[in-house]
Every structure is written in structure tokens, then in C-alpha cells.
Amino acid sequence: NSCPRSQAQMIENVDACLSFLAVRGVHIQSLSAEEIRDGNLKAILGLFFSLSRYKQQQQQYQDLVELQQQVQHQSLATASVCQQRVQQDMQSSLAARYASQPQHAGSAANQKKSTRLP
């Protein structure tokens, strides 16, 4: 009711709000629409406490999601750097190995073969 005129309509509106909050995950089990409508301070403070607690939980969850995303991004960046280093090390190792090996093209002709037996 957009403009409640009776207590029943007011309670119906508060109850609809409490139902919405419950669906969103706010803990409202001990709260009643009648107590909130009647201005019961304990009920109203309980509602504020539940909303505050819900907000803190949502913020903690969001912080965890952001932290997880940062860790994943850093892990991918580190893996990429490691992969590049491994490739560079392999290329350097192969280049050094092939640069240090003697050329075998004409060396077989210059060597004498020993075919005598003692």
C-alpha cells in the first residue's frame, strides 16, 4: 500500500519489507511487523542490528572476492614471467651448447685409424 491508512495496512507494508529482507539473507527471525509498527524500541534496534550485520557480511564477502581476483591476477602474471624465463634459459642453454661443440665436418679425415692388433 503506497499510502496506508489503517494499522493493518501499515503492518502489511512492514511485513512485506521484512519478507524482502529475509529473501536477501538478512536475519529477521525474531522481528515482528507489529512490534516495529508499534514503535517497540527493542524490535527497531534489532532490525538496525540485523541490517548492520548483513552489510558487514556483504562487505567482507566483497573484500574476499576482490582479494581472490588480485591473487589470481598476480598468479597469472608470475606464471607468465616464469614461462618467459624458462624459455629464455632454454634458448641460452641451447645456444651455448651448440656454440661450444666442435665442427665435425672434416675431422674424421684427419684422424688416423689404428687397425693393428698387438
N, C-alpha and C. Protein backbone atom coordinates (compact mmCIF):
# COMPACT_ATOMS: atom_id res chain seq x y z
N ASN A 1 0.85 -1.18 0.00
CA ASN A 1 0.00 0.00 0.00
C ASN A 1 0.89 1.24 0.00
N SER A 2 0.73 2.07 -1.00
CA SER A 2 1.58 3.25 -1.12
C SER A 2 1.24 4.31 -0.08
N CYS A 3 0.02 4.33 0.37
CA CYS A 3 -0.37 5.31 1.39
C CYS A 3 -1.30 4.61 2.40
N PRO A 4 -0.69 3.86 3.33
CA PRO A 4 -1.53 3.08 4.26
C PRO A 4 -2.31 4.00 5.20
N ARG A 5 -3.59 3.65 5.40
CA ARG A 5 -4.46 4.46 6.25
C ARG A 5 -4.79 3.75 7.55
N SER A 6 -4.71 2.45 7.55
CA SER A 6 -5.05 1.71 8.77
C SER A 6 -3.81 1.00 9.31
N GLN A 7 -3.90 0.58 10.57
CA GLN A 7 -2.78 -0.14 11.18
C GLN A 7 -2.52 -1.45 10.44
N ALA A 8 -3.57 -2.09 9.97
CA ALA A 8 -3.41 -3.36 9.25
C ALA A 8 -2.61 -3.15 7.96
N GLN A 9 -2.87 -2.07 7.24
CA GLN A 9 -2.12 -1.78 6.03
C GLN A 9 -0.66 -1.45 6.34
N MET A 10 -0.44 -0.73 7.46
CA MET A 10 0.93 -0.41 7.87
C MET A 10 1.70 -1.69 8.22
N ILE A 11 1.04 -2.56 8.95
CA ILE A 11 1.67 -3.83 9.34
C ILE A 11 1.95 -4.66 8.09
N GLU A 12 1.04 -4.63 7.14
CA GLU A 12 1.23 -5.36 5.88
C GLU A 12 2.45 -4.84 5.13
N ASN A 13 2.63 -3.52 5.11
CA ASN A 13 3.80 -2.93 4.44
C ASN A 13 5.10 -3.32 5.15
N VAL A 14 5.11 -3.24 6.48
CA VAL A 14 6.31 -3.60 7.24
C VAL A 14 6.61 -5.08 7.04
N ASP A 15 5.58 -5.91 7.03
CA ASP A 15 5.76 -7.34 6.83
C ASP A 15 6.33 -7.62 5.44
N ALA A 16 5.88 -6.88 4.43
CA ALA A 16 6.43 -7.04 3.08
C ALA A 16 7.91 -6.67 3.06
N CYS A 17 8.27 -5.62 3.78
CA CYS A 17 9.68 -5.23 3.86
C CYS A 17 10.51 -6.29 4.56
N LEU A 18 10.00 -6.84 5.65
CA LEU A 18 10.72 -7.89 6.38
C LEU A 18 10.87 -9.14 5.51
N SER A 19 9.86 -9.46 4.75
CA SER A 19 9.94 -10.61 3.85
C SER A 19 11.00 -10.39 2.78
N PHE A 20 11.04 -9.18 2.25
CA PHE A 20 12.06 -8.85 1.25
C PHE A 20 13.46 -8.99 1.85
N LEU A 21 13.64 -8.48 3.05
CA LEU A 21 14.95 -8.58 3.71
C LEU A 21 15.33 -10.04 3.97
N ALA A 22 14.34 -10.84 4.36
CA ALA A 22 14.62 -12.25 4.62
C ALA A 22 15.08 -12.97 3.35
N VAL A 23 14.45 -12.64 2.23
CA VAL A 23 14.85 -13.24 0.95
C VAL A 23 16.28 -12.82 0.58
N ARG A 24 16.65 -11.61 0.92
CA ARG A 24 18.00 -11.11 0.63
C ARG A 24 19.05 -11.72 1.56
N GLY A 25 18.62 -12.36 2.65
CA GLY A 25 19.57 -13.02 3.55
C GLY A 25 19.75 -12.31 4.88
N VAL A 26 18.95 -11.30 5.16
CA VAL A 26 19.03 -10.61 6.44
C VAL A 26 18.32 -11.45 7.49
N HIS A 27 18.98 -11.65 8.64
CA HIS A 27 18.40 -12.46 9.72
C HIS A 27 17.34 -11.63 10.45
N ILE A 28 16.07 -11.99 10.27
CA ILE A 28 14.97 -11.23 10.90
C ILE A 28 14.00 -12.14 11.65
N GLN A 29 14.44 -13.31 12.04
CA GLN A 29 13.54 -14.29 12.64
C GLN A 29 12.84 -13.80 13.90
N SER A 30 13.54 -13.02 14.71
CA SER A 30 12.93 -12.59 15.97
C SER A 30 12.17 -11.27 15.85
N LEU A 31 12.06 -10.73 14.67
CA LEU A 31 11.38 -9.44 14.49
C LEU A 31 9.95 -9.66 14.02
N SER A 32 9.06 -8.80 14.49
CA SER A 32 7.67 -8.87 14.03
C SER A 32 7.23 -7.51 13.50
N ALA A 33 6.43 -7.56 12.47
CA ALA A 33 5.93 -6.33 11.84
C ALA A 33 5.11 -5.50 12.83
N GLU A 34 4.35 -6.18 13.69
CA GLU A 34 3.50 -5.47 14.66
C GLU A 34 4.35 -4.66 15.64
N GLU A 35 5.44 -5.27 16.14
CA GLU A 35 6.30 -4.57 17.10
C GLU A 35 6.98 -3.36 16.45
N ILE A 36 7.41 -3.53 15.22
CA ILE A 36 8.05 -2.40 14.52
C ILE A 36 7.03 -1.30 14.28
N ARG A 37 5.84 -1.66 13.84
CA ARG A 37 4.78 -0.67 13.61
C ARG A 37 4.39 0.05 14.89
N ASP A 38 4.40 -0.67 16.01
CA ASP A 38 4.02 -0.07 17.28
C ASP A 38 5.15 0.77 17.88
N GLY A 39 6.32 0.75 17.26
CA GLY A 39 7.42 1.57 17.74
C GLY A 39 8.23 0.93 18.85
N ASN A 40 8.16 -0.39 18.98
CA ASN A 40 8.92 -1.09 20.01
C ASN A 40 10.41 -0.86 19.75
N LEU A 41 11.06 -0.18 20.70
CA LEU A 41 12.46 0.21 20.53
C LEU A 41 13.36 -1.00 20.37
N LYS A 42 13.11 -2.06 21.14
CA LYS A 42 13.93 -3.26 21.06
C LYS A 42 13.83 -3.90 19.67
N ALA A 43 12.63 -3.94 19.11
CA ALA A 43 12.42 -4.52 17.78
C ALA A 43 13.10 -3.68 16.70
N ILE A 44 12.98 -2.35 16.83
CA ILE A 44 13.58 -1.46 15.83
C ILE A 44 15.11 -1.53 15.90
N LEU A 45 15.66 -1.53 17.11
CA LEU A 45 17.11 -1.65 17.25
C LEU A 45 17.59 -3.02 16.75
N GLY A 46 16.77 -4.05 16.98
CA GLY A 46 17.10 -5.38 16.46
C GLY A 46 17.16 -5.39 14.94
N LEU A 47 16.23 -4.66 14.31
CA LEU A 47 16.23 -4.55 12.85
C LEU A 47 17.48 -3.81 12.37
N PHE A 48 17.83 -2.72 13.03
CA PHE A 48 19.05 -1.99 12.66
C PHE A 48 20.29 -2.86 12.84
N PHE A 49 20.33 -3.62 13.93
CA PHE A 49 21.47 -4.51 14.17
C PHE A 49 21.56 -5.56 13.06
N SER A 50 20.43 -6.14 12.70
CA SER A 50 20.43 -7.16 11.64
C SER A 50 20.89 -6.57 10.31
N LEU A 51 20.43 -5.37 10.00
CA LEU A 51 20.85 -4.71 8.76
C LEU A 51 22.35 -4.38 8.78
N SER A 52 22.84 -3.94 9.92
CA SER A 52 24.26 -3.62 10.04
C SER A 52 25.12 -4.87 9.90
N ARG A 53 24.69 -5.93 10.53
CA ARG A 53 25.43 -7.20 10.44
C ARG A 53 25.43 -7.72 9.00
N TYR A 54 24.30 -7.63 8.34
CA TYR A 54 24.20 -8.06 6.94
C TYR A 54 25.16 -7.25 6.07
N LYS A 55 25.19 -5.95 6.29
CA LYS A 55 26.09 -5.09 5.49
C LYS A 55 27.55 -5.46 5.73
N GLN A 56 27.92 -5.73 6.97
CA GLN A 56 29.30 -6.12 7.27
C GLN A 56 29.65 -7.44 6.57
N GLN A 57 28.73 -8.39 6.58
CA GLN A 57 28.98 -9.68 5.94
C GLN A 57 29.13 -9.49 4.43
N GLN A 58 28.31 -8.64 3.84
CA GLN A 58 28.41 -8.39 2.41
C GLN A 58 29.73 -7.71 2.06
N GLN A 59 30.18 -6.80 2.92
CA GLN A 59 31.45 -6.11 2.68
C GLN A 59 32.61 -7.09 2.80
N GLN A 60 32.55 -7.97 3.80
CA GLN A 60 33.61 -8.98 3.96
C GLN A 60 33.65 -9.91 2.75
N TYR A 61 32.49 -10.30 2.27
CA TYR A 61 32.42 -11.16 1.09
C TYR A 61 33.02 -10.45 -0.12
N GLN A 62 32.67 -9.18 -0.30
CA GLN A 62 33.20 -8.41 -1.43
C GLN A 62 34.71 -8.27 -1.32
N ASP A 63 35.21 -8.04 -0.10
CA ASP A 63 36.65 -7.93 0.10
C ASP A 63 37.35 -9.24 -0.27
N LEU A 64 36.75 -10.37 0.10
CA LEU A 64 37.32 -11.67 -0.23
C LEU A 64 37.34 -11.89 -1.74
N VAL A 65 36.27 -11.51 -2.41
CA VAL A 65 36.21 -11.66 -3.87
C VAL A 65 37.30 -10.82 -4.53
N GLU A 66 37.46 -9.58 -4.07
CA GLU A 66 38.49 -8.71 -4.64
C GLU A 66 39.88 -9.26 -4.38
N LEU A 67 40.11 -9.79 -3.17
CA LEU A 67 41.40 -10.37 -2.84
C LEU A 67 41.69 -11.59 -3.71
N GLN A 68 40.68 -12.42 -3.91
CA GLN A 68 40.84 -13.60 -4.76
C GLN A 68 41.18 -13.19 -6.20
N GLN A 69 40.54 -12.17 -6.70
CA GLN A 69 40.83 -11.69 -8.05
C GLN A 69 42.26 -11.16 -8.15
N GLN A 70 42.72 -10.45 -7.11
CA GLN A 70 44.08 -9.94 -7.12
C GLN A 70 45.09 -11.09 -7.10
N VAL A 71 44.82 -12.11 -6.29
CA VAL A 71 45.72 -13.26 -6.20
C VAL A 71 45.77 -13.99 -7.54
N GLN A 72 44.63 -14.18 -8.17
CA GLN A 72 44.60 -14.85 -9.46
C GLN A 72 45.37 -14.04 -10.51
N HIS A 73 45.19 -12.73 -10.50
CA HIS A 73 45.89 -11.87 -11.46
C HIS A 73 47.40 -11.95 -11.24
N GLN A 74 47.82 -11.91 -9.97
CA GLN A 74 49.25 -11.98 -9.66
C GLN A 74 49.80 -13.35 -10.03
N SER A 75 49.02 -14.40 -9.80
CA SER A 75 49.47 -15.75 -10.14
C SER A 75 49.67 -15.89 -11.65
N LEU A 76 48.74 -15.35 -12.41
CA LEU A 76 48.88 -15.41 -13.87
C LEU A 76 50.09 -14.62 -14.34
N ALA A 77 50.30 -13.46 -13.75
CA ALA A 77 51.45 -12.65 -14.13
C ALA A 77 52.75 -13.36 -13.77
N THR A 78 52.80 -13.95 -12.59
CA THR A 78 54.00 -14.67 -12.16
C THR A 78 54.25 -15.87 -13.05
N ALA A 79 53.21 -16.60 -13.39
CA ALA A 79 53.36 -17.76 -14.27
C ALA A 79 53.87 -17.34 -15.64
N SER A 80 53.40 -16.23 -16.14
CA SER A 80 53.84 -15.73 -17.44
C SER A 80 55.32 -15.36 -17.39
N VAL A 81 55.75 -14.69 -16.32
CA VAL A 81 57.15 -14.31 -16.17
C VAL A 81 58.02 -15.56 -16.05
N CYS A 82 57.56 -16.55 -15.27
CA CYS A 82 58.32 -17.80 -15.12
C CYS A 82 58.44 -18.52 -16.45
N GLN A 83 57.38 -18.55 -17.21
CA GLN A 83 57.40 -19.23 -18.50
C GLN A 83 58.39 -18.52 -19.44
N GLN A 84 58.41 -17.21 -19.42
CA GLN A 84 59.35 -16.47 -20.26
C GLN A 84 60.79 -16.75 -19.84
N ARG A 85 61.03 -16.82 -18.53
CA ARG A 85 62.38 -17.11 -18.05
C ARG A 85 62.83 -18.51 -18.45
N VAL A 86 61.94 -19.47 -18.34
CA VAL A 86 62.28 -20.84 -18.74
C VAL A 86 62.62 -20.89 -20.22
N GLN A 87 61.83 -20.23 -21.03
CA GLN A 87 62.11 -20.21 -22.46
C GLN A 87 63.44 -19.53 -22.76
N GLN A 88 63.73 -18.43 -22.08
CA GLN A 88 64.99 -17.75 -22.29
C GLN A 88 66.16 -18.62 -21.84
N ASP A 89 66.01 -19.30 -20.69
CA ASP A 89 67.07 -20.19 -20.20
C ASP A 89 67.31 -21.34 -21.17
N MET A 90 66.24 -21.90 -21.71
CA MET A 90 66.39 -22.99 -22.66
C MET A 90 67.09 -22.52 -23.93
N GLN A 91 66.70 -21.35 -24.41
CA GLN A 91 67.34 -20.81 -25.61
C GLN A 91 68.82 -20.53 -25.36
N SER A 92 69.13 -19.95 -24.19
CA SER A 92 70.52 -19.67 -23.85
C SER A 92 71.32 -20.95 -23.73
N SER A 93 70.74 -21.95 -23.10
CA SER A 93 71.42 -23.23 -22.92
C SER A 93 71.70 -23.90 -24.26
N LEU A 94 70.71 -23.90 -25.13
CA LEU A 94 70.90 -24.50 -26.45
C LEU A 94 71.93 -23.73 -27.26
N ALA A 95 71.87 -22.42 -27.19
CA ALA A 95 72.83 -21.60 -27.93
C ALA A 95 74.24 -21.86 -27.42
N ALA A 96 74.41 -21.94 -26.11
CA ALA A 96 75.73 -22.20 -25.53
C ALA A 96 76.21 -23.60 -25.89
N ARG A 97 75.33 -24.56 -25.87
CA ARG A 97 75.71 -25.94 -26.19
C ARG A 97 76.18 -26.05 -27.64
N TYR A 98 75.44 -25.49 -28.55
CA TYR A 98 75.80 -25.59 -29.96
C TYR A 98 77.00 -24.72 -30.31
N ALA A 99 77.20 -23.65 -29.59
CA ALA A 99 78.36 -22.78 -29.84
C ALA A 99 79.65 -23.45 -29.35
N SER A 100 79.57 -24.27 -28.29
CA SER A 100 80.77 -24.88 -27.72
C SER A 100 81.14 -26.20 -28.37
N GLN A 101 80.29 -26.80 -29.18
CA GLN A 101 80.59 -28.07 -29.83
C GLN A 101 81.50 -27.85 -31.03
N PRO A 102 82.58 -28.71 -31.19
CA PRO A 102 83.47 -28.55 -32.35
C PRO A 102 82.75 -28.98 -33.62
N GLN A 103 83.22 -28.44 -34.72
CA GLN A 103 82.66 -28.80 -36.01
C GLN A 103 83.18 -30.18 -36.40
N HIS A 104 82.34 -31.07 -36.84
CA HIS A 104 82.71 -32.45 -37.17
C HIS A 104 82.87 -32.68 -38.67
N ALA A 105 82.80 -31.69 -39.46
CA ALA A 105 82.77 -31.89 -40.91
C ALA A 105 84.04 -32.53 -41.45
N GLY A 106 85.21 -32.00 -41.14
CA GLY A 106 86.42 -32.54 -41.73
C GLY A 106 87.29 -33.27 -40.73
N SER A 107 86.88 -33.43 -39.53
CA SER A 107 87.75 -34.02 -38.52
C SER A 107 87.95 -35.51 -38.70
N ALA A 108 87.05 -36.22 -39.29
CA ALA A 108 87.18 -37.67 -39.48
C ALA A 108 88.28 -37.99 -40.48
N ALA A 109 88.51 -37.16 -41.47
CA ALA A 109 89.53 -37.41 -42.49
C ALA A 109 90.92 -37.20 -41.93
N ASN A 110 91.06 -36.32 -40.94
CA ASN A 110 92.37 -36.01 -40.39
C ASN A 110 92.84 -37.02 -39.35
N GLN A 111 91.94 -37.82 -38.83
CA GLN A 111 92.32 -38.79 -37.81
C GLN A 111 92.80 -40.09 -38.45
N LYS A 112 93.85 -40.68 -37.84
CA LYS A 112 94.34 -41.98 -38.31
C LYS A 112 93.59 -43.04 -37.58
N LYS A 113 93.29 -44.07 -38.35
CA LYS A 113 92.62 -45.21 -37.75
C LYS A 113 93.67 -46.24 -37.41
N SER A 114 93.61 -46.76 -36.24
CA SER A 114 94.55 -47.79 -35.82
C SER A 114 93.88 -49.13 -36.04
N THR A 115 94.39 -49.88 -37.02
CA THR A 115 93.79 -51.17 -37.33
C THR A 115 94.68 -52.33 -36.92
N ARG A 116 95.82 -52.08 -36.36
CA ARG A 116 96.73 -53.14 -35.97
C ARG A 116 96.33 -53.70 -34.63
N LEU A 117 96.52 -54.96 -34.55
CA LEU A 117 96.29 -55.63 -33.29
C LEU A 117 97.62 -55.91 -32.63
N PRO A 118 97.73 -55.88 -31.37
CA PRO A 118 99.01 -56.13 -30.70
C PRO A 118 99.46 -57.57 -30.73
